[in-house]
């Protein structure tokens, strides 16, 4: 998807980060989920959840 420069200033991007206790699905679990929202080069919101 190609964005024009003016489009990217009006578009909100979401970055998702999932942290786990390890790499084995039968033994390990998700420990944290974070989402950061960016618009026009600025961090506009963040959501963090710890388990």
C-alpha atoms as a PDB file:
ATOM      1  CA  UNK A   1       0.000   0.000   0.000  1.00  0.00           C
ATOM      2  CA  UNK A   2       1.510   3.308  -1.035  1.00  0.00           C
ATOM      3  CA  UNK A   3       0.691   6.414   0.961  1.00  0.00           C
ATOM      4  CA  UNK A   4       1.040   9.946  -0.271  1.00  0.00           C
ATOM      5  CA  UNK A   5       2.713  12.340   2.163  1.00  0.00           C
ATOM      6  CA  UNK A   6      -0.606  14.060   2.931  1.00  0.00           C
ATOM      7  CA  UNK A   7      -2.293  10.682   3.563  1.00  0.00           C
ATOM      8  CA  UNK A   8       0.274   9.634   6.196  1.00  0.00           C
ATOM      9  CA  UNK A   9      -0.380  12.785   8.251  1.00  0.00           C
ATOM     10  CA  UNK A  10      -4.061  11.889   8.555  1.00  0.00           C
ATOM     11  CA  UNK A  11      -3.581   8.141   9.043  1.00  0.00           C
ATOM     12  CA  UNK A  12      -3.331   6.585  12.499  1.00  0.00           C
ATOM     13  CA  UNK A  13      -0.918   3.653  12.719  1.00  0.00           C
ATOM     14  CA  UNK A  14      -1.106   0.981  15.444  1.00  0.00           C
ATOM     15  CA  UNK A  15       1.946  -1.012  16.537  1.00  0.00           C
ATOM     16  CA  UNK A  16       1.279  -4.226  18.445  1.00  0.00           C
ATOM     17  CA  UNK A  17       3.823  -5.830  20.807  1.00  0.00           C
ATOM     18  CA  UNK A  18       3.212  -9.204  22.478  1.00  0.00           C
ATOM     19  CA  UNK A  19       5.673 -10.480  25.099  1.00  0.00           C
ATOM     20  CA  UNK A  20       5.739 -14.078  26.274  1.00  0.00           C
ATOM     21  CA  UNK A  21       7.342 -16.036  29.107  1.00  0.00           C
ATOM     22  CA  UNK A  22       9.010 -18.321  26.561  1.00  0.00           C
ATOM     23  CA  UNK A  23       8.668 -19.985  23.192  1.00  0.00           C
ATOM     24  CA  UNK A  24       6.802 -23.178  24.076  1.00  0.00           C
ATOM     25  CA  UNK A  25       3.032 -22.843  23.612  1.00  0.00           C
ATOM     26  CA  UNK A  26       2.253 -25.792  25.909  1.00  0.00           C
ATOM     27  CA  UNK A  27       4.273 -24.411  28.857  1.00  0.00           C
ATOM     28  CA  UNK A  28       4.642 -20.634  28.415  1.00  0.00           C
ATOM     29  CA  UNK A  29       2.145 -17.826  28.252  1.00  0.00           C
ATOM     30  CA  UNK A  30       1.639 -14.225  27.159  1.00  0.00           C
ATOM     31  CA  UNK A  31       2.857 -11.845  29.871  1.00  0.00           C
ATOM     32  CA  UNK A  32       2.203  -8.457  28.267  1.00  0.00           C
ATOM     33  CA  UNK A  33       0.359  -6.908  25.337  1.00  0.00           C
ATOM     34  CA  UNK A  34       1.027  -3.346  24.266  1.00  0.00           C
ATOM     35  CA  UNK A  35      -0.387  -1.180  21.496  1.00  0.00           C
ATOM     36  CA  UNK A  36       0.944   2.267  20.540  1.00  0.00           C
ATOM     37  CA  UNK A  37      -0.974   4.559  18.212  1.00  0.00           C
ATOM     38  CA  UNK A  38       0.910   7.073  16.057  1.00  0.00           C
ATOM     39  CA  UNK A  39      -0.372   9.896  13.862  1.00  0.00           C
ATOM     40  CA  UNK A  40       1.720  12.475  12.008  1.00  0.00           C
ATOM     41  CA  UNK A  41       4.907  11.278  13.741  1.00  0.00           C
ATOM     42  CA  UNK A  42       3.411  11.686  17.225  1.00  0.00           C
ATOM     43  CA  UNK A  43       2.555   9.049  19.830  1.00  0.00           C
ATOM     44  CA  UNK A  44      -1.159   9.741  20.380  1.00  0.00           C
ATOM     45  CA  UNK A  45      -2.145   6.844  22.672  1.00  0.00           C
ATOM     46  CA  UNK A  46      -0.887   3.666  24.313  1.00  0.00           C
ATOM     47  CA  UNK A  47      -2.564   0.634  25.840  1.00  0.00           C
ATOM     48  CA  UNK A  48      -0.639  -1.785  28.060  1.00  0.00           C
ATOM     49  CA  UNK A  49      -1.952  -4.936  29.673  1.00  0.00           C
ATOM     50  CA  UNK A  50       0.059  -7.128  32.048  1.00  0.00           C
ATOM     51  CA  UNK A  51      -0.964 -10.696  32.871  1.00  0.00           C
END
